[in-house]
């Protein structure tokens, strides 16, 4: 199953399962804010990279963010793996 299918399934179960944005630009602004928040909460790790992908969700005609959290966890030496899930974001 691909990631978009997983997101679509989550949204069928619960409309609030992931955050959605009307434009890719607003999703990107939110993603940058979340990455900054993540690094700010882990003061000693402020330069860790956390990549993300803005993707279009056809069933909702909106955009969402998928965070690639694994490199950040490796570089930072670990953290709470549910960081983004608790904020209704999808992460891999």
PDB file of N, CA and C in Angstrom:
ATOM      1  N   UNK A   1       0.849  -1.176   0.000  1.00  0.00           N
ATOM      2  CA  UNK A   1       0.000   0.000   0.000  1.00  0.00           C
ATOM      3  C   UNK A   1       0.896   1.241   0.000  1.00  0.00           C
ATOM      4  N   UNK A   2       0.569   2.197  -0.852  1.00  0.00           N
ATOM      5  CA  UNK A   2       1.392   3.403  -0.865  1.00  0.00           C
ATOM      6  C   UNK A   2       0.928   4.385   0.214  1.00  0.00           C
ATOM      7  N   UNK A   3       1.729   5.403   0.440  1.00  0.00           N
ATOM      8  CA  UNK A   3       1.469   6.334   1.542  1.00  0.00           C
ATOM      9  C   UNK A   3       0.167   7.106   1.332  1.00  0.00           C
ATOM     10  N   UNK A   4      -0.089   7.543   0.105  1.00  0.00           N
ATOM     11  CA  UNK A   4      -1.330   8.280  -0.148  1.00  0.00           C
ATOM     12  C   UNK A   4      -2.548   7.413   0.148  1.00  0.00           C
ATOM     13  N   UNK A   5      -2.495   6.130  -0.194  1.00  0.00           N
ATOM     14  CA  UNK A   5      -3.595   5.218   0.138  1.00  0.00           C
ATOM     15  C   UNK A   5      -3.796   5.134   1.650  1.00  0.00           C
ATOM     16  N   UNK A   6      -2.705   5.094   2.379  1.00  0.00           N
ATOM     17  CA  UNK A   6      -2.806   5.034   3.844  1.00  0.00           C
ATOM     18  C   UNK A   6      -3.448   6.302   4.406  1.00  0.00           C
ATOM     19  N   UNK A   7      -3.088   7.442   3.845  1.00  0.00           N
ATOM     20  CA  UNK A   7      -3.682   8.709   4.285  1.00  0.00           C
ATOM     21  C   UNK A   7      -5.172   8.726   3.962  1.00  0.00           C
ATOM     22  N   UNK A   8      -5.517   8.304   2.748  1.00  0.00           N
ATOM     23  CA  UNK A   8      -6.928   8.260   2.340  1.00  0.00           C
ATOM     24  C   UNK A   8      -7.721   7.338   3.277  1.00  0.00           C
ATOM     25  N   UNK A   9      -7.146   6.190   3.626  1.00  0.00           N
ATOM     26  CA  UNK A   9      -7.825   5.269   4.547  1.00  0.00           C
ATOM     27  C   UNK A   9      -8.040   5.907   5.915  1.00  0.00           C
ATOM     28  N   UNK A  10      -7.040   6.593   6.409  1.00  0.00           N
ATOM     29  CA  UNK A  10      -7.183   7.275   7.703  1.00  0.00           C
ATOM     30  C   UNK A  10      -8.302   8.304   7.659  1.00  0.00           C
ATOM     31  N   UNK A  11      -8.365   9.036   6.559  1.00  0.00           N
ATOM     32  CA  UNK A  11      -9.387  10.069   6.436  1.00  0.00           C
ATOM     33  C   UNK A  11     -10.787   9.479   6.319  1.00  0.00           C
ATOM     34  N   UNK A  12     -10.911   8.299   5.734  1.00  0.00           N
ATOM     35  CA  UNK A  12     -12.218   7.638   5.683  1.00  0.00           C
ATOM     36  C   UNK A  12     -12.668   7.236   7.082  1.00  0.00           C
ATOM     37  N   UNK A  13     -11.716   6.842   7.920  1.00  0.00           N
ATOM     38  CA  UNK A  13     -12.034   6.445   9.294  1.00  0.00           C
ATOM     39  C   UNK A  13     -12.301   7.653  10.194  1.00  0.00           C
ATOM     40  N   UNK A  14     -11.557   8.734   9.958  1.00  0.00           N
ATOM     41  CA  UNK A  14     -11.639   9.898  10.832  1.00  0.00           C
ATOM     42  C   UNK A  14     -11.211  11.130  10.028  1.00  0.00           C
ATOM     43  N   UNK A  15     -12.141  12.020   9.772  1.00  0.00           N
ATOM     44  CA  UNK A  15     -11.859  13.213   8.958  1.00  0.00           C
ATOM     45  C   UNK A  15     -10.769  14.099   9.556  1.00  0.00           C
ATOM     46  N   UNK A  16     -10.562  14.022  10.851  1.00  0.00           N
ATOM     47  CA  UNK A  16      -9.539  14.833  11.500  1.00  0.00           C
ATOM     48  C   UNK A  16      -8.221  14.110  11.690  1.00  0.00           C
ATOM     49  N   UNK A  17      -8.037  12.988  10.993  1.00  0.00           N
ATOM     50  CA  UNK A  17      -6.851  12.156  11.202  1.00  0.00           C
ATOM     51  C   UNK A  17      -5.549  12.840  10.798  1.00  0.00           C
ATOM     52  N   UNK A  18      -5.597  13.644   9.758  1.00  0.00           N
ATOM     53  CA  UNK A  18      -4.410  14.384   9.327  1.00  0.00           C
ATOM     54  C   UNK A  18      -4.818  15.817   9.015  1.00  0.00           C
ATOM     55  N   UNK A  19      -3.883  16.730   9.189  1.00  0.00           N
ATOM     56  CA  UNK A  19      -4.163  18.128   8.885  1.00  0.00           C
ATOM     57  C   UNK A  19      -4.158  18.331   7.380  1.00  0.00           C
ATOM     58  N   UNK A  20      -5.097  19.122   6.923  1.00  0.00           N
ATOM     59  CA  UNK A  20      -5.243  19.420   5.503  1.00  0.00           C
ATOM     60  C   UNK A  20      -5.170  20.922   5.281  1.00  0.00           C
ATOM     61  N   UNK A  21      -4.664  21.310   4.116  1.00  0.00           N
ATOM     62  CA  UNK A  21      -4.480  22.719   3.781  1.00  0.00           C
ATOM     63  C   UNK A  21      -5.029  22.984   2.389  1.00  0.00           C
ATOM     64  N   UNK A  22      -5.598  24.190   2.189  1.00  0.00           N
ATOM     65  CA  UNK A  22      -6.190  24.540   0.898  1.00  0.00           C
ATOM     66  C   UNK A  22      -5.147  24.699  -0.198  1.00  0.00           C
ATOM     67  N   UNK A  23      -3.958  25.156   0.168  1.00  0.00           N
ATOM     68  CA  UNK A  23      -2.907  25.369  -0.835  1.00  0.00           C
ATOM     69  C   UNK A  23      -1.609  24.688  -0.408  1.00  0.00           C
ATOM     70  N   UNK A  24      -0.789  24.404  -1.403  1.00  0.00           N
ATOM     71  CA  UNK A  24       0.521  23.820  -1.118  1.00  0.00           C
ATOM     72  C   UNK A  24       1.388  24.818  -0.357  1.00  0.00           C
ATOM     73  N   UNK A  25       1.219  26.086  -0.641  1.00  0.00           N
ATOM     74  CA  UNK A  25       1.990  27.126   0.044  1.00  0.00           C
ATOM     75  C   UNK A  25       1.679  27.156   1.536  1.00  0.00           C
ATOM     76  N   UNK A  26       0.390  27.071   1.886  1.00  0.00           N
ATOM     77  CA  UNK A  26       0.042  27.083   3.318  1.00  0.00           C
ATOM     78  C   UNK A  26       0.532  25.809   4.005  1.00  0.00           C
ATOM     79  N   UNK A  27       0.530  24.689   3.292  1.00  0.00           N
ATOM     80  CA  UNK A  27       1.064  23.440   3.854  1.00  0.00           C
ATOM     81  C   UNK A  27       2.564  23.564   4.088  1.00  0.00           C
ATOM     82  N   UNK A  28       3.262  24.183   3.148  1.00  0.00           N
ATOM     83  CA  UNK A  28       4.708  24.351   3.302  1.00  0.00           C
ATOM     84  C   UNK A  28       5.039  25.260   4.490  1.00  0.00           C
ATOM     85  N   UNK A  29       4.284  26.331   4.663  1.00  0.00           N
ATOM     86  CA  UNK A  29       4.497  27.208   5.814  1.00  0.00           C
ATOM     87  C   UNK A  29       4.282  26.449   7.124  1.00  0.00           C
ATOM     88  N   UNK A  30       3.241  25.632   7.165  1.00  0.00           N
ATOM     89  CA  UNK A  30       2.969  24.835   8.367  1.00  0.00           C
ATOM     90  C   UNK A  30       4.087  23.824   8.617  1.00  0.00           C
ATOM     91  N   UNK A  31       4.600  23.214   7.555  1.00  0.00           N
ATOM     92  CA  UNK A  31       5.678  22.237   7.690  1.00  0.00           C
ATOM     93  C   UNK A  31       6.928  22.889   8.261  1.00  0.00           C
ATOM     94  N   UNK A  32       7.293  24.047   7.733  1.00  0.00           N
ATOM     95  CA  UNK A  32       8.467  24.758   8.237  1.00  0.00           C
ATOM     96  C   UNK A  32       8.296  25.115   9.717  1.00  0.00           C
ATOM     97  N   UNK A  33       7.094  25.536  10.076  1.00  0.00           N
ATOM     98  CA  UNK A  33       6.812  25.871  11.476  1.00  0.00           C
ATOM     99  C   UNK A  33       6.945  24.644  12.374  1.00  0.00           C
ATOM    100  N   UNK A  34       6.445  23.497  11.917  1.00  0.00           N
ATOM    101  CA  UNK A  34       6.535  22.265  12.716  1.00  0.00           C
ATOM    102  C   UNK A  34       7.977  21.801  12.877  1.00  0.00           C
ATOM    103  N   UNK A  35       8.765  21.885  11.829  1.00  0.00           N
ATOM    104  CA  UNK A  35      10.177  21.484  11.919  1.00  0.00           C
ATOM    105  C   UNK A  35      10.917  22.419  12.879  1.00  0.00           C
ATOM    106  N   UNK A  36      10.639  23.716  12.787  1.00  0.00           N
ATOM    107  CA  UNK A  36      11.261  24.666  13.717  1.00  0.00           C
ATOM    108  C   UNK A  36      10.848  24.347  15.151  1.00  0.00           C
ATOM    109  N   UNK A  37       9.574  24.063  15.357  1.00  0.00           N
ATOM    110  CA  UNK A  37       9.073  23.704  16.687  1.00  0.00           C
ATOM    111  C   UNK A  37       9.778  22.452  17.215  1.00  0.00           C
ATOM    112  N   UNK A  38       9.929  21.460  16.364  1.00  0.00           N
ATOM    113  CA  UNK A  38      10.618  20.225  16.742  1.00  0.00           C
ATOM    114  C   UNK A  38      12.048  20.527  17.183  1.00  0.00           C
ATOM    115  N   UNK A  39      12.767  21.298  16.379  1.00  0.00           N
ATOM    116  CA  UNK A  39      14.155  21.612  16.714  1.00  0.00           C
ATOM    117  C   UNK A  39      14.256  22.518  17.938  1.00  0.00           C
ATOM    118  N   UNK A  40      13.304  23.452  18.096  1.00  0.00           N
ATOM    119  CA  UNK A  40      13.322  24.325  19.273  1.00  0.00           C
ATOM    120  C   UNK A  40      13.086  23.545  20.560  1.00  0.00           C
ATOM    121  N   UNK A  41      12.260  22.523  20.508  1.00  0.00           N
ATOM    122  CA  UNK A  41      11.959  21.716  21.696  1.00  0.00           C
ATOM    123  C   UNK A  41      13.128  20.800  22.069  1.00  0.00           C
ATOM    124  N   UNK A  42      14.013  20.615  21.134  1.00  0.00           N
ATOM    125  CA  UNK A  42      15.209  19.801  21.364  1.00  0.00           C
ATOM    126  C   UNK A  42      16.413  20.719  21.163  1.00  0.00           C
ATOM    127  N   UNK A  43      16.633  21.593  22.104  1.00  0.00           N
ATOM    128  CA  UNK A  43      17.591  22.700  22.002  1.00  0.00           C
ATOM    129  C   UNK A  43      18.964  22.260  21.510  1.00  0.00           C
ATOM    130  N   UNK A  44      19.439  21.156  21.998  1.00  0.00           N
ATOM    131  CA  UNK A  44      20.771  20.696  21.614  1.00  0.00           C
ATOM    132  C   UNK A  44      20.813  20.097  20.214  1.00  0.00           C
ATOM    133  N   UNK A  45      19.685  20.075  19.515  1.00  0.00           N
ATOM    134  CA  UNK A  45      19.621  19.443  18.193  1.00  0.00           C
ATOM    135  C   UNK A  45      19.036  20.380  17.146  1.00  0.00           C
ATOM    136  N   UNK A  46      19.253  21.658  17.294  1.00  0.00           N
ATOM    137  CA  UNK A  46      18.558  22.624  16.447  1.00  0.00           C
ATOM    138  C   UNK A  46      18.939  22.568  14.970  1.00  0.00           C
ATOM    139  N   UNK A  47      20.024  21.925  14.613  1.00  0.00           N
ATOM    140  CA  UNK A  47      20.423  21.877  13.216  1.00  0.00           C
ATOM    141  C   UNK A  47      20.068  20.560  12.526  1.00  0.00           C
ATOM    142  N   UNK A  48      19.303  19.715  13.173  1.00  0.00           N
ATOM    143  CA  UNK A  48      18.924  18.448  12.561  1.00  0.00           C
ATOM    144  C   UNK A  48      17.914  18.691  11.443  1.00  0.00           C
ATOM    145  N   UNK A  49      18.092  17.976  10.356  1.00  0.00           N
ATOM    146  CA  UNK A  49      17.218  18.127   9.196  1.00  0.00           C
ATOM    147  C   UNK A  49      16.005  17.212   9.329  1.00  0.00           C
ATOM    148  N   UNK A  50      14.853  17.719   8.989  1.00  0.00           N
ATOM    149  CA  UNK A  50      13.645  16.898   8.935  1.00  0.00           C
ATOM    150  C   UNK A  50      12.948  17.219   7.618  1.00  0.00           C
ATOM    151  N   UNK A  51      13.160  16.363   6.638  1.00  0.00           N
ATOM    152  CA  UNK A  51      12.556  16.580   5.333  1.00  0.00           C
ATOM    153  C   UNK A  51      11.060  16.316   5.376  1.00  0.00           C
ATOM    154  N   UNK A  52      10.360  16.881   4.422  1.00  0.00           N
ATOM    155  CA  UNK A  52       8.925  16.661   4.317  1.00  0.00           C
ATOM    156  C   UNK A  52       8.505  16.737   2.853  1.00  0.00           C
ATOM    157  N   UNK A  53       7.343  16.188   2.592  1.00  0.00           N
ATOM    158  CA  UNK A  53       6.759  16.208   1.256  1.00  0.00           C
ATOM    159  C   UNK A  53       5.358  16.784   1.385  1.00  0.00           C
ATOM    160  N   UNK A  54       5.041  17.731   0.526  1.00  0.00           N
ATOM    161  CA  UNK A  54       3.684  18.253   0.441  1.00  0.00           C
ATOM    162  C   UNK A  54       2.989  17.421  -0.637  1.00  0.00           C
ATOM    163  N   UNK A  55       1.869  16.835  -0.289  1.00  0.00           N
ATOM    164  CA  UNK A  55       1.167  15.989  -1.250  1.00  0.00           C
ATOM    165  C   UNK A  55      -0.304  16.369  -1.344  1.00  0.00           C
ATOM    166  N   UNK A  56      -0.849  16.192  -2.524  1.00  0.00           N
ATOM    167  CA  UNK A  56      -2.252  16.490  -2.784  1.00  0.00           C
ATOM    168  C   UNK A  56      -3.085  15.262  -2.426  1.00  0.00           C
ATOM    169  N   UNK A  57      -4.174  15.475  -1.700  1.00  0.00           N
ATOM    170  CA  UNK A  57      -5.074  14.395  -1.301  1.00  0.00           C
ATOM    171  C   UNK A  57      -6.344  14.538  -2.153  1.00  0.00           C
ATOM    172  N   UNK A  58      -6.470  13.742  -3.212  1.00  0.00           N
ATOM    173  CA  UNK A  58      -7.580  13.911  -4.159  1.00  0.00           C
ATOM    174  C   UNK A  58      -8.970  13.854  -3.533  1.00  0.00           C
ATOM    175  N   UNK A  59      -9.201  12.960  -2.609  1.00  0.00           N
ATOM    176  CA  UNK A  59     -10.541  12.823  -2.031  1.00  0.00           C
ATOM    177  C   UNK A  59     -10.981  14.069  -1.266  1.00  0.00           C
ATOM    178  N   UNK A  60     -10.025  14.855  -0.812  1.00  0.00           N
ATOM    179  CA  UNK A  60     -10.327  16.049  -0.032  1.00  0.00           C
ATOM    180  C   UNK A  60     -10.111  17.339  -0.831  1.00  0.00           C
ATOM    181  N   UNK A  61      -9.482  17.208  -1.988  1.00  0.00           N
ATOM    182  CA  UNK A  61      -9.105  18.359  -2.824  1.00  0.00           C
ATOM    183  C   UNK A  61      -8.284  19.364  -2.009  1.00  0.00           C
ATOM    184  N   UNK A  62      -7.394  18.818  -1.165  1.00  0.00           N
ATOM    185  CA  UNK A  62      -6.519  19.640  -0.328  1.00  0.00           C
ATOM    186  C   UNK A  62      -5.144  18.990  -0.246  1.00  0.00           C
ATOM    187  N   UNK A  63      -4.245  19.669   0.438  1.00  0.00           N
ATOM    188  CA  UNK A  63      -2.873  19.211   0.596  1.00  0.00           C
ATOM    189  C   UNK A  63      -2.601  18.798   2.028  1.00  0.00           C
ATOM    190  N   UNK A  64      -1.646  17.894   2.178  1.00  0.00           N
ATOM    191  CA  UNK A  64      -1.189  17.510   3.506  1.00  0.00           C
ATOM    192  C   UNK A  64       0.330  17.378   3.487  1.00  0.00           C
ATOM    193  N   UNK A  65       0.892  17.193   4.660  1.00  0.00           N
ATOM    194  CA  UNK A  65       2.344  17.097   4.812  1.00  0.00           C
ATOM    195  C   UNK A  65       2.702  15.697   5.284  1.00  0.00           C
ATOM    196  N   UNK A  66       3.744  15.138   4.684  1.00  0.00           N
ATOM    197  CA  UNK A  66       4.307  13.873   5.144  1.00  0.00           C
ATOM    198  C   UNK A  66       5.735  14.183   5.581  1.00  0.00           C
ATOM    199  N   UNK A  67       6.027  13.953   6.842  1.00  0.00           N
ATOM    200  CA  UNK A  67       7.360  14.214   7.370  1.00  0.00           C
ATOM    201  C   UNK A  67       8.203  12.946   7.298  1.00  0.00           C
ATOM    202  N   UNK A  68       9.428  13.080   6.815  1.00  0.00           N
ATOM    203  CA  UNK A  68      10.397  11.986   6.842  1.00  0.00           C
ATOM    204  C   UNK A  68      11.209  12.172   8.125  1.00  0.00           C
ATOM    205  N   UNK A  69      10.713  11.574   9.173  1.00  0.00           N
ATOM    206  CA  UNK A  69      11.221  11.777  10.526  1.00  0.00           C
ATOM    207  C   UNK A  69      12.462  10.943  10.833  1.00  0.00           C
ATOM    208  N   UNK A  70      12.677   9.873  10.101  1.00  0.00           N
ATOM    209  CA  UNK A  70      13.760   8.932  10.395  1.00  0.00           C
ATOM    210  C   UNK A  70      15.148   9.585  10.408  1.00  0.00           C
ATOM    211  N   UNK A  71      15.538  10.385   9.388  1.00  0.00           N
ATOM    212  CA  UNK A  71      16.873  11.002   9.446  1.00  0.00           C
ATOM    213  C   UNK A  71      17.049  11.918  10.660  1.00  0.00           C
ATOM    214  N   UNK A  72      15.980  12.616  11.046  1.00  0.00           N
ATOM    215  CA  UNK A  72      16.064  13.498  12.221  1.00  0.00           C
ATOM    216  C   UNK A  72      16.340  12.669  13.468  1.00  0.00           C
ATOM    217  N   UNK A  73      15.616  11.579  13.622  1.00  0.00           N
ATOM    218  CA  UNK A  73      15.801  10.720  14.801  1.00  0.00           C
ATOM    219  C   UNK A  73      17.224  10.182  14.849  1.00  0.00           C
ATOM    220  N   UNK A  74      17.737   9.749  13.693  1.00  0.00           N
ATOM    221  CA  UNK A  74      19.116   9.237  13.645  1.00  0.00           C
ATOM    222  C   UNK A  74      20.121  10.315  14.032  1.00  0.00           C
ATOM    223  N   UNK A  75      19.982  11.504  13.439  1.00  0.00           N
ATOM    224  CA  UNK A  75      20.928  12.590  13.701  1.00  0.00           C
ATOM    225  C   UNK A  75      20.830  13.092  15.138  1.00  0.00           C
ATOM    226  N   UNK A  76      19.624  13.085  15.670  1.00  0.00           N
ATOM    227  CA  UNK A  76      19.413  13.612  17.017  1.00  0.00           C
ATOM    228  C   UNK A  76      19.691  12.589  18.103  1.00  0.00           C
ATOM    229  N   UNK A  77      19.840  11.361  17.722  1.00  0.00           N
ATOM    230  CA  UNK A  77      20.082  10.329  18.723  1.00  0.00           C
ATOM    231  C   UNK A  77      18.812   9.849  19.402  1.00  0.00           C
ATOM    232  N   UNK A  78      17.665  10.120  18.755  1.00  0.00           N
ATOM    233  CA  UNK A  78      16.388   9.632  19.277  1.00  0.00           C
ATOM    234  C   UNK A  78      15.488  10.726  19.816  1.00  0.00           C
ATOM    235  N   UNK A  79      14.232  10.411  19.905  1.00  0.00           N
ATOM    236  CA  UNK A  79      13.205  11.268  20.511  1.00  0.00           C
ATOM    237  C   UNK A  79      11.908  10.478  20.536  1.00  0.00           C
ATOM    238  N   UNK A  80      10.845  11.106  20.965  1.00  0.00           N
ATOM    239  CA  UNK A  80       9.534  10.470  20.988  1.00  0.00           C
ATOM    240  C   UNK A  80       9.036  10.287  19.558  1.00  0.00           C
ATOM    241  N   UNK A  81       8.841   9.060  19.145  1.00  0.00           N
ATOM    242  CA  UNK A  81       8.488   8.752  17.760  1.00  0.00           C
ATOM    243  C   UNK A  81       7.094   9.264  17.376  1.00  0.00           C
ATOM    244  N   UNK A  82       6.243   9.541  18.320  1.00  0.00           N
ATOM    245  CA  UNK A  82       4.911  10.046  18.029  1.00  0.00           C
ATOM    246  C   UNK A  82       4.829  11.558  17.927  1.00  0.00           C
ATOM    247  N   UNK A  83       5.963  12.224  17.830  1.00  0.00           N
ATOM    248  CA  UNK A  83       6.010  13.688  17.811  1.00  0.00           C
ATOM    249  C   UNK A  83       5.013  14.283  16.815  1.00  0.00           C
ATOM    250  N   UNK A  84       5.064  13.864  15.561  1.00  0.00           N
ATOM    251  CA  UNK A  84       4.181  14.431  14.544  1.00  0.00           C
ATOM    252  C   UNK A  84       2.779  13.833  14.612  1.00  0.00           C
ATOM    253  N   UNK A  85       2.669  12.571  14.945  1.00  0.00           N
ATOM    254  CA  UNK A  85       1.352  11.932  15.033  1.00  0.00           C
ATOM    255  C   UNK A  85       0.471  12.627  16.064  1.00  0.00           C
ATOM    256  N   UNK A  86       1.057  13.057  17.157  1.00  0.00           N
ATOM    257  CA  UNK A  86       0.291  13.778  18.187  1.00  0.00           C
ATOM    258  C   UNK A  86      -0.242  15.110  17.681  1.00  0.00           C
ATOM    259  N   UNK A  87       0.311  15.599  16.592  1.00  0.00           N
ATOM    260  CA  UNK A  87      -0.110  16.871  16.009  1.00  0.00           C
ATOM    261  C   UNK A  87      -0.920  16.649  14.726  1.00  0.00           C
ATOM    262  N   UNK A  88      -1.372  15.405  14.512  1.00  0.00           N
ATOM    263  CA  UNK A  88      -2.176  15.027  13.342  1.00  0.00           C
ATOM    264  C   UNK A  88      -1.446  15.187  12.013  1.00  0.00           C
ATOM    265  N   UNK A  89      -0.160  14.839  12.027  1.00  0.00           N
ATOM    266  CA  UNK A  89       0.611  14.809  10.796  1.00  0.00           C
ATOM    267  C   UNK A  89       1.021  13.366  10.541  1.00  0.00           C
ATOM    268  N   UNK A  90       1.239  13.055   9.275  1.00  0.00           N
ATOM    269  CA  UNK A  90       1.683  11.727   8.891  1.00  0.00           C
ATOM    270  C   UNK A  90       3.201  11.761   8.807  1.00  0.00           C
ATOM    271  N   UNK A  91       3.864  10.763   9.359  1.00  0.00           N
ATOM    272  CA  UNK A  91       5.326  10.704   9.276  1.00  0.00           C
ATOM    273  C   UNK A  91       5.781   9.309   8.913  1.00  0.00           C
ATOM    274  N   UNK A  92       6.952   9.262   8.283  1.00  0.00           N
ATOM    275  CA  UNK A  92       7.549   7.968   7.909  1.00  0.00           C
ATOM    276  C   UNK A  92       8.943   7.899   8.475  1.00  0.00           C
TER     277      UNK A  92
END
